[in-house]
Every structure is written in C-alpha cells, then in structure tokens.
Amino acid sequence: MQHIADAVRNHDAAALKKMFSPRAREKATDLDGGLTYFLSVFPSGPVTWKSEGNGESGDNVFFKKATELFGHYKVSASGKTYELYFAYFSVNDFHPDEVGIYALGVEPYDADPYTASGATKPFWAWASQFDIEKHAATGIPGVYVPQK
C-alpha cells in the first residue's frame, strides 16, 4: 500500500504500472488509460489512507503456493472521500507472471455497497471477481473505470 500511496502522491503512472504483474499488464484493457483515470481522482496535496479491512485468498499444493491479498482503504483528499480496492499477488509459484498488483480501483466513498433493489453496486461487483481458482487469478486484471 505504501508504494501505491507514494505513486499517488507523485502522480506517477509509470511507477504504478510497474507494480502490476506481467500478466495484468499484458491482459488489462487500456491499462494506461485506467491509470490516468485513477490518478485523476487524486488532486495534488495531502492524502490520508485508512484501512477498511484487508483479506487474502490462498492455494497450497505440497511445496507450491499462491497468495492473493486484498486491500480496502478509505482515502481522503481535498475534502473528498474515496474508497480504494486492490488485489495483489505476493506469491504465485504456479503462475509467477501473476505476482504484483492484479487489479486496482477507486471511486467516491459510499457506505452502502448495494442498490435500493439489493443488487451489488458496480464497484463492488467488479471487486468481488478477484480470487484464486485452480492456482490462478480470477477476474479481469487492470484498473476499475466507472461506466458512463
């Protein structure tokens, strides 16, 4: 998280891009455009980060393992509050090209992840797709960009 925060503070898209796993860089749709959007959310100036909960998913077979970490942060910048989510592989002995950030997203903070009808809101539907299945990442890698 500290590396993401540093890249946000410096508005450094290249540094963020390097944090993504080789597979995510290869498979993401318009990673550069997504990173431009992501950084545009954060104006210059102080940014505060507060963990809203983190988790992990793992897969172990004999001496091989895969561990995917999930981060959820409440971020405040210039009087606005956002929620930030990321999926990150710290290790994947089965698919080493997945090690690094797999997915990254931000949106204005909303305490309720559900619509009035009970459906999951788009940001959380996007975030819920990431996991490990058959030793590999699930979900479409890249940066969350809201649909207009």
N, C-alpha and C. Protein backbone atom coordinates (compact mmCIF):
# COMPACT_ATOMS: atom_id res chain seq x y z
N MET A 1 0.83 -1.19 0.00
CA MET A 1 0.00 0.00 0.00
C MET A 1 0.87 1.25 0.00
N GLN A 2 1.99 1.20 0.70
CA GLN A 2 2.86 2.37 0.75
C GLN A 2 3.36 2.76 -0.64
N HIS A 3 3.67 1.78 -1.47
CA HIS A 3 4.14 2.07 -2.83
C HIS A 3 3.03 2.71 -3.67
N ILE A 4 1.80 2.23 -3.49
CA ILE A 4 0.66 2.84 -4.20
C ILE A 4 0.49 4.28 -3.72
N ALA A 5 0.55 4.50 -2.41
CA ALA A 5 0.40 5.85 -1.86
C ALA A 5 1.49 6.78 -2.38
N ASP A 6 2.72 6.29 -2.46
CA ASP A 6 3.81 7.12 -2.99
C ASP A 6 3.57 7.49 -4.45
N ALA A 7 3.13 6.54 -5.24
CA ALA A 7 2.85 6.82 -6.66
C ALA A 7 1.71 7.81 -6.81
N VAL A 8 0.68 7.70 -5.96
CA VAL A 8 -0.44 8.63 -6.00
C VAL A 8 0.05 10.03 -5.62
N ARG A 9 0.83 10.14 -4.56
CA ARG A 9 1.33 11.43 -4.11
C ARG A 9 2.15 12.12 -5.21
N ASN A 10 2.90 11.32 -5.97
CA ASN A 10 3.75 11.87 -7.04
C ASN A 10 3.07 11.88 -8.40
N HIS A 11 1.80 11.44 -8.46
CA HIS A 11 1.07 11.31 -9.73
C HIS A 11 1.94 10.59 -10.77
N ASP A 12 2.50 9.45 -10.37
CA ASP A 12 3.47 8.71 -11.17
C ASP A 12 2.83 7.45 -11.76
N ALA A 13 2.24 7.59 -12.95
CA ALA A 13 1.58 6.47 -13.61
C ALA A 13 2.57 5.37 -13.96
N ALA A 14 3.78 5.74 -14.35
CA ALA A 14 4.79 4.74 -14.71
C ALA A 14 5.14 3.87 -13.51
N ALA A 15 5.27 4.47 -12.33
CA ALA A 15 5.57 3.69 -11.12
C ALA A 15 4.43 2.74 -10.80
N LEU A 16 3.18 3.22 -10.92
CA LEU A 16 2.03 2.34 -10.68
C LEU A 16 2.02 1.19 -11.67
N LYS A 17 2.27 1.49 -12.93
CA LYS A 17 2.23 0.46 -13.97
C LYS A 17 3.26 -0.63 -13.68
N LYS A 18 4.43 -0.25 -13.21
CA LYS A 18 5.48 -1.23 -12.89
C LYS A 18 5.07 -2.16 -11.75
N MET A 19 4.16 -1.71 -10.89
CA MET A 19 3.71 -2.53 -9.77
C MET A 19 2.76 -3.64 -10.21
N PHE A 20 2.14 -3.48 -11.37
CA PHE A 20 1.23 -4.50 -11.88
C PHE A 20 2.03 -5.72 -12.32
N SER A 21 1.44 -6.88 -12.15
CA SER A 21 2.10 -8.12 -12.56
C SER A 21 2.26 -8.14 -14.08
N PRO A 22 3.22 -8.90 -14.59
CA PRO A 22 3.36 -9.00 -16.05
C PRO A 22 2.07 -9.46 -16.72
N ARG A 23 1.37 -10.41 -16.10
CA ARG A 23 0.12 -10.90 -16.70
C ARG A 23 -0.94 -9.80 -16.74
N ALA A 24 -1.05 -9.03 -15.65
CA ALA A 24 -2.03 -7.94 -15.62
C ALA A 24 -1.70 -6.90 -16.68
N ARG A 25 -0.42 -6.56 -16.83
CA ARG A 25 -0.02 -5.58 -17.86
C ARG A 25 -0.36 -6.09 -19.25
N GLU A 26 -0.22 -7.38 -19.45
CA GLU A 26 -0.50 -7.97 -20.76
C GLU A 26 -1.99 -8.07 -21.05
N LYS A 27 -2.78 -8.47 -20.04
CA LYS A 27 -4.20 -8.79 -20.26
C LYS A 27 -5.16 -7.62 -19.99
N ALA A 28 -4.72 -6.60 -19.28
CA ALA A 28 -5.62 -5.48 -18.95
C ALA A 28 -6.02 -4.72 -20.21
N THR A 29 -7.25 -4.25 -20.21
CA THR A 29 -7.73 -3.41 -21.30
C THR A 29 -7.38 -1.97 -20.98
N ASP A 30 -6.58 -1.33 -21.81
CA ASP A 30 -6.21 0.08 -21.67
C ASP A 30 -5.70 0.40 -20.27
N LEU A 31 -4.63 -0.27 -19.87
CA LEU A 31 -4.05 -0.04 -18.54
C LEU A 31 -3.58 1.41 -18.40
N ASP A 32 -2.98 1.96 -19.44
CA ASP A 32 -2.51 3.35 -19.36
C ASP A 32 -3.68 4.31 -19.14
N GLY A 33 -4.77 4.13 -19.86
CA GLY A 33 -5.95 4.97 -19.68
C GLY A 33 -6.55 4.79 -18.30
N GLY A 34 -6.57 3.56 -17.81
CA GLY A 34 -7.09 3.30 -16.47
C GLY A 34 -6.25 3.98 -15.40
N LEU A 35 -4.93 3.95 -15.56
CA LEU A 35 -4.06 4.60 -14.59
C LEU A 35 -4.20 6.12 -14.64
N THR A 36 -4.40 6.66 -15.84
CA THR A 36 -4.65 8.10 -15.96
C THR A 36 -5.92 8.48 -15.21
N TYR A 37 -6.99 7.69 -15.39
CA TYR A 37 -8.24 7.93 -14.67
C TYR A 37 -7.99 7.83 -13.16
N PHE A 38 -7.35 6.74 -12.74
CA PHE A 38 -7.10 6.50 -11.32
C PHE A 38 -6.40 7.70 -10.68
N LEU A 39 -5.34 8.17 -11.29
CA LEU A 39 -4.59 9.30 -10.72
C LEU A 39 -5.36 10.61 -10.80
N SER A 40 -6.27 10.74 -11.77
CA SER A 40 -7.05 11.98 -11.90
C SER A 40 -8.00 12.19 -10.72
N VAL A 41 -8.32 11.11 -10.02
CA VAL A 41 -9.22 11.20 -8.87
C VAL A 41 -8.55 11.95 -7.73
N PHE A 42 -7.23 11.86 -7.66
CA PHE A 42 -6.48 12.43 -6.54
C PHE A 42 -5.85 13.76 -6.93
N PRO A 43 -6.35 14.85 -6.36
CA PRO A 43 -5.74 16.15 -6.63
C PRO A 43 -4.39 16.25 -5.91
N SER A 44 -3.63 17.24 -6.27
CA SER A 44 -2.37 17.48 -5.56
C SER A 44 -2.69 17.87 -4.13
N GLY A 45 -1.79 17.56 -3.24
CA GLY A 45 -1.98 17.90 -1.83
C GLY A 45 -2.03 16.67 -0.97
N PRO A 46 -2.28 16.89 0.32
CA PRO A 46 -2.25 15.77 1.27
C PRO A 46 -3.37 14.75 1.00
N VAL A 47 -3.02 13.49 1.19
CA VAL A 47 -3.95 12.38 1.05
C VAL A 47 -3.80 11.52 2.30
N THR A 48 -4.92 11.16 2.91
CA THR A 48 -4.87 10.26 4.07
C THR A 48 -5.47 8.91 3.68
N TRP A 49 -4.94 7.86 4.27
CA TRP A 49 -5.33 6.49 3.97
C TRP A 49 -5.71 5.79 5.27
N LYS A 50 -6.86 5.13 5.27
CA LYS A 50 -7.29 4.39 6.44
C LYS A 50 -7.79 3.01 5.99
N SER A 51 -7.22 1.98 6.55
CA SER A 51 -7.63 0.63 6.18
C SER A 51 -9.07 0.39 6.59
N GLU A 52 -9.85 -0.16 5.67
CA GLU A 52 -11.23 -0.54 5.94
C GLU A 52 -11.35 -2.06 6.03
N GLY A 53 -10.22 -2.72 5.96
CA GLY A 53 -10.20 -4.18 6.04
C GLY A 53 -9.40 -4.77 4.91
N ASN A 54 -8.65 -5.77 5.23
CA ASN A 54 -7.84 -6.46 4.24
C ASN A 54 -8.12 -7.94 4.36
N GLY A 55 -7.82 -8.67 3.32
CA GLY A 55 -8.05 -10.11 3.35
C GLY A 55 -7.08 -10.81 2.43
N GLU A 56 -7.21 -12.11 2.37
CA GLU A 56 -6.35 -12.86 1.48
C GLU A 56 -7.04 -14.14 1.05
N SER A 57 -6.54 -14.67 -0.05
CA SER A 57 -7.00 -15.95 -0.56
C SER A 57 -5.74 -16.73 -0.87
N GLY A 58 -5.76 -18.02 -0.62
CA GLY A 58 -4.55 -18.80 -0.84
C GLY A 58 -4.84 -20.16 -1.43
N ASP A 59 -3.80 -20.71 -2.02
CA ASP A 59 -3.86 -22.02 -2.65
C ASP A 59 -2.51 -22.68 -2.39
N ASN A 60 -2.51 -23.83 -1.76
CA ASN A 60 -1.27 -24.53 -1.46
C ASN A 60 -1.37 -25.97 -1.94
N VAL A 61 -0.33 -26.43 -2.64
CA VAL A 61 -0.23 -27.82 -3.04
C VAL A 61 1.22 -28.24 -2.82
N PHE A 62 1.41 -29.13 -1.89
CA PHE A 62 2.74 -29.58 -1.49
C PHE A 62 3.62 -28.37 -1.16
N PHE A 63 4.65 -28.12 -1.93
CA PHE A 63 5.56 -27.03 -1.61
C PHE A 63 5.34 -25.80 -2.48
N LYS A 64 4.24 -25.76 -3.20
CA LYS A 64 3.91 -24.60 -4.04
C LYS A 64 2.73 -23.87 -3.42
N LYS A 65 2.74 -22.54 -3.57
CA LYS A 65 1.61 -21.79 -3.04
C LYS A 65 1.33 -20.56 -3.90
N ALA A 66 0.12 -20.07 -3.73
CA ALA A 66 -0.30 -18.80 -4.33
C ALA A 66 -1.04 -18.04 -3.25
N THR A 67 -0.70 -16.77 -3.08
CA THR A 67 -1.36 -15.93 -2.09
C THR A 67 -1.75 -14.62 -2.74
N GLU A 68 -3.04 -14.33 -2.67
CA GLU A 68 -3.57 -13.07 -3.20
C GLU A 68 -4.08 -12.25 -2.02
N LEU A 69 -3.60 -11.03 -1.93
CA LEU A 69 -4.00 -10.12 -0.86
C LEU A 69 -4.99 -9.11 -1.41
N PHE A 70 -5.95 -8.74 -0.57
CA PHE A 70 -6.97 -7.76 -0.97
C PHE A 70 -6.91 -6.59 -0.01
N GLY A 71 -6.86 -5.40 -0.52
CA GLY A 71 -6.82 -4.21 0.32
C GLY A 71 -8.01 -3.32 0.05
N HIS A 72 -8.61 -2.81 1.13
CA HIS A 72 -9.73 -1.87 1.01
C HIS A 72 -9.40 -0.70 1.92
N TYR A 73 -9.31 0.50 1.34
CA TYR A 73 -8.92 1.69 2.09
C TYR A 73 -9.91 2.81 1.86
N LYS A 74 -10.13 3.60 2.89
CA LYS A 74 -10.88 4.86 2.78
C LYS A 74 -9.81 5.93 2.62
N VAL A 75 -9.94 6.70 1.54
CA VAL A 75 -8.93 7.69 1.19
C VAL A 75 -9.58 9.07 1.19
N SER A 76 -8.93 10.03 1.84
CA SER A 76 -9.44 11.40 1.88
C SER A 76 -8.43 12.33 1.21
N ALA A 77 -8.94 13.18 0.32
CA ALA A 77 -8.09 14.13 -0.39
C ALA A 77 -8.92 15.36 -0.74
N SER A 78 -8.41 16.53 -0.41
CA SER A 78 -9.07 17.80 -0.74
C SER A 78 -10.54 17.82 -0.33
N GLY A 79 -10.83 17.32 0.86
CA GLY A 79 -12.19 17.36 1.38
C GLY A 79 -13.13 16.32 0.80
N LYS A 80 -12.64 15.44 -0.05
CA LYS A 80 -13.46 14.38 -0.63
C LYS A 80 -12.98 13.03 -0.10
N THR A 81 -13.91 12.08 -0.05
CA THR A 81 -13.57 10.76 0.45
C THR A 81 -13.85 9.73 -0.64
N TYR A 82 -12.93 8.78 -0.75
CA TYR A 82 -13.00 7.73 -1.77
C TYR A 82 -12.76 6.39 -1.09
N GLU A 83 -13.13 5.32 -1.81
CA GLU A 83 -12.71 4.01 -1.37
C GLU A 83 -11.81 3.43 -2.46
N LEU A 84 -10.77 2.79 -2.00
CA LEU A 84 -9.77 2.22 -2.89
C LEU A 84 -9.69 0.73 -2.61
N TYR A 85 -9.63 -0.05 -3.66
CA TYR A 85 -9.54 -1.50 -3.53
C TYR A 85 -8.43 -1.99 -4.44
N PHE A 86 -7.68 -2.99 -3.98
CA PHE A 86 -6.71 -3.62 -4.87
C PHE A 86 -6.60 -5.10 -4.56
N ALA A 87 -6.21 -5.85 -5.58
CA ALA A 87 -5.89 -7.27 -5.46
C ALA A 87 -4.43 -7.41 -5.87
N TYR A 88 -3.65 -8.10 -5.04
CA TYR A 88 -2.21 -8.18 -5.22
C TYR A 88 -1.71 -9.59 -4.92
N PHE A 89 -0.98 -10.17 -5.85
CA PHE A 89 -0.37 -11.47 -5.61
C PHE A 89 1.01 -11.26 -5.02
N SER A 90 1.20 -11.71 -3.78
CA SER A 90 2.51 -11.61 -3.16
C SER A 90 3.40 -12.79 -3.60
N VAL A 91 2.77 -13.90 -3.94
CA VAL A 91 3.49 -15.07 -4.44
C VAL A 91 2.53 -15.90 -5.28
N ASN A 92 3.03 -16.50 -6.34
CA ASN A 92 2.27 -17.49 -7.09
C ASN A 92 3.28 -18.41 -7.76
N ASP A 93 3.59 -19.50 -7.07
CA ASP A 93 4.54 -20.47 -7.60
C ASP A 93 4.01 -21.18 -8.83
N PHE A 94 2.71 -21.20 -9.02
CA PHE A 94 2.10 -21.86 -10.16
C PHE A 94 2.14 -20.97 -11.41
N HIS A 95 1.95 -19.67 -11.20
CA HIS A 95 1.94 -18.69 -12.30
C HIS A 95 2.74 -17.46 -11.86
N PRO A 96 4.06 -17.51 -11.92
CA PRO A 96 4.88 -16.40 -11.43
C PRO A 96 4.60 -15.07 -12.14
N ASP A 97 4.04 -15.13 -13.34
CA ASP A 97 3.72 -13.89 -14.07
C ASP A 97 2.53 -13.14 -13.47
N GLU A 98 1.90 -13.71 -12.43
CA GLU A 98 0.79 -13.03 -11.77
C GLU A 98 1.24 -12.26 -10.51
N VAL A 99 2.50 -12.36 -10.14
CA VAL A 99 2.97 -11.69 -8.92
C VAL A 99 3.03 -10.17 -9.16
N GLY A 100 2.37 -9.43 -8.29
CA GLY A 100 2.27 -7.98 -8.39
C GLY A 100 0.80 -7.58 -8.27
N ILE A 101 0.53 -6.31 -8.51
CA ILE A 101 -0.87 -5.85 -8.49
C ILE A 101 -1.60 -6.49 -9.65
N TYR A 102 -2.77 -7.01 -9.37
CA TYR A 102 -3.60 -7.62 -10.40
C TYR A 102 -4.75 -6.70 -10.77
N ALA A 103 -5.26 -5.95 -9.78
CA ALA A 103 -6.39 -5.05 -10.01
C ALA A 103 -6.32 -3.90 -9.02
N LEU A 104 -6.77 -2.72 -9.48
CA LEU A 104 -6.72 -1.51 -8.66
C LEU A 104 -7.92 -0.65 -9.02
N GLY A 105 -8.62 -0.14 -8.03
CA GLY A 105 -9.78 0.68 -8.32
C GLY A 105 -10.05 1.70 -7.24
N VAL A 106 -10.72 2.78 -7.64
CA VAL A 106 -11.10 3.83 -6.71
C VAL A 106 -12.42 4.41 -7.18
N GLU A 107 -13.24 4.83 -6.21
CA GLU A 107 -14.48 5.52 -6.53
C GLU A 107 -14.87 6.38 -5.33
N PRO A 108 -15.77 7.35 -5.52
CA PRO A 108 -16.23 8.13 -4.37
C PRO A 108 -16.81 7.20 -3.31
N TYR A 109 -16.55 7.53 -2.05
CA TYR A 109 -16.97 6.69 -0.94
C TYR A 109 -18.49 6.59 -0.86
N ASP A 110 -18.95 5.38 -0.62
CA ASP A 110 -20.37 5.10 -0.42
C ASP A 110 -20.45 4.03 0.65
N ALA A 111 -21.05 4.34 1.77
CA ALA A 111 -21.11 3.40 2.89
C ALA A 111 -21.92 2.15 2.58
N ASP A 112 -22.80 2.22 1.58
CA ASP A 112 -23.66 1.09 1.25
C ASP A 112 -23.26 0.49 -0.10
N PRO A 113 -22.79 -0.76 -0.12
CA PRO A 113 -22.37 -1.36 -1.39
C PRO A 113 -23.52 -1.91 -2.24
N TYR A 114 -24.77 -1.68 -1.80
CA TYR A 114 -25.92 -2.24 -2.52
C TYR A 114 -26.85 -1.14 -3.02
N THR A 115 -27.53 -1.43 -4.12
CA THR A 115 -28.55 -0.53 -4.64
C THR A 115 -29.83 -0.70 -3.82
N ALA A 116 -30.81 0.15 -4.06
CA ALA A 116 -32.09 0.06 -3.34
C ALA A 116 -32.77 -1.29 -3.57
N SER A 117 -32.53 -1.90 -4.74
CA SER A 117 -33.15 -3.19 -5.04
C SER A 117 -32.37 -4.37 -4.44
N GLY A 118 -31.21 -4.08 -3.83
CA GLY A 118 -30.42 -5.13 -3.21
C GLY A 118 -29.29 -5.67 -4.07
N ALA A 119 -29.16 -5.16 -5.30
CA ALA A 119 -28.07 -5.60 -6.17
C ALA A 119 -26.76 -4.96 -5.72
N THR A 120 -25.65 -5.63 -5.97
CA THR A 120 -24.34 -5.08 -5.65
C THR A 120 -24.03 -3.94 -6.62
N LYS A 121 -23.54 -2.83 -6.08
CA LYS A 121 -23.17 -1.68 -6.92
C LYS A 121 -21.96 -2.05 -7.77
N PRO A 122 -21.80 -1.38 -8.93
CA PRO A 122 -20.76 -1.77 -9.90
C PRO A 122 -19.35 -1.90 -9.33
N PHE A 123 -18.91 -0.97 -8.49
CA PHE A 123 -17.55 -1.04 -7.96
C PHE A 123 -17.33 -2.34 -7.18
N TRP A 124 -18.30 -2.69 -6.36
CA TRP A 124 -18.15 -3.90 -5.54
C TRP A 124 -18.39 -5.16 -6.34
N ALA A 125 -19.20 -5.09 -7.39
CA ALA A 125 -19.34 -6.23 -8.29
C ALA A 125 -17.99 -6.48 -8.98
N TRP A 126 -17.34 -5.39 -9.41
CA TRP A 126 -16.01 -5.50 -10.01
C TRP A 126 -15.03 -6.12 -9.00
N ALA A 127 -14.98 -5.61 -7.78
CA ALA A 127 -14.02 -6.07 -6.77
C ALA A 127 -14.25 -7.53 -6.40
N SER A 128 -15.48 -8.00 -6.45
CA SER A 128 -15.79 -9.37 -5.99
C SER A 128 -15.33 -10.44 -6.97
N GLN A 129 -14.88 -10.06 -8.16
CA GLN A 129 -14.48 -11.07 -9.15
C GLN A 129 -13.08 -11.64 -8.91
N PHE A 130 -12.31 -11.05 -8.00
CA PHE A 130 -10.92 -11.46 -7.83
C PHE A 130 -10.77 -12.52 -6.75
N ASP A 131 -10.08 -13.58 -7.11
CA ASP A 131 -9.83 -14.69 -6.20
C ASP A 131 -8.78 -15.59 -6.86
N ILE A 132 -8.58 -16.76 -6.28
CA ILE A 132 -7.70 -17.78 -6.85
C ILE A 132 -8.54 -19.01 -7.13
N GLU A 133 -8.43 -19.53 -8.32
CA GLU A 133 -9.14 -20.75 -8.69
C GLU A 133 -8.20 -21.59 -9.54
N LYS A 134 -8.02 -22.83 -9.19
CA LYS A 134 -7.10 -23.73 -9.90
C LYS A 134 -5.72 -23.10 -10.03
N HIS A 135 -5.23 -22.55 -8.93
CA HIS A 135 -3.88 -21.97 -8.81
C HIS A 135 -3.68 -20.67 -9.59
N ALA A 136 -4.72 -20.08 -10.13
CA ALA A 136 -4.57 -18.88 -10.96
C ALA A 136 -5.57 -17.80 -10.54
N ALA A 137 -5.27 -16.59 -10.94
CA ALA A 137 -6.14 -15.45 -10.64
C ALA A 137 -7.45 -15.54 -11.40
N THR A 138 -8.51 -15.12 -10.74
CA THR A 138 -9.79 -14.97 -11.43
C THR A 138 -10.05 -13.48 -11.62
N GLY A 139 -10.91 -13.16 -12.53
CA GLY A 139 -11.27 -11.77 -12.78
C GLY A 139 -10.41 -11.15 -13.87
N ILE A 140 -10.90 -10.04 -14.39
CA ILE A 140 -10.21 -9.32 -15.47
C ILE A 140 -9.26 -8.32 -14.82
N PRO A 141 -7.95 -8.45 -15.10
CA PRO A 141 -6.99 -7.56 -14.45
C PRO A 141 -7.06 -6.14 -14.99
N GLY A 142 -6.53 -5.21 -14.22
CA GLY A 142 -6.45 -3.83 -14.67
C GLY A 142 -6.99 -2.85 -13.65
N VAL A 143 -7.41 -1.72 -14.15
CA VAL A 143 -7.89 -0.62 -13.30
C VAL A 143 -9.40 -0.43 -13.51
N TYR A 144 -10.12 -0.29 -12.41
CA TYR A 144 -11.55 -0.03 -12.47
C TYR A 144 -11.79 1.38 -13.00
N VAL A 145 -12.58 1.47 -14.05
CA VAL A 145 -13.02 2.74 -14.59
C VAL A 145 -14.54 2.67 -14.67
N PRO A 146 -15.27 3.57 -13.97
CA PRO A 146 -16.72 3.50 -13.98
C PRO A 146 -17.28 3.66 -15.40
N GLN A 147 -18.34 2.94 -15.66
CA GLN A 147 -19.04 3.07 -16.94
C GLN A 147 -19.93 4.28 -16.91
N LYS A 148 -20.00 4.99 -18.00
CA LYS A 148 -20.84 6.20 -18.05
C LYS A 148 -22.17 5.90 -18.64
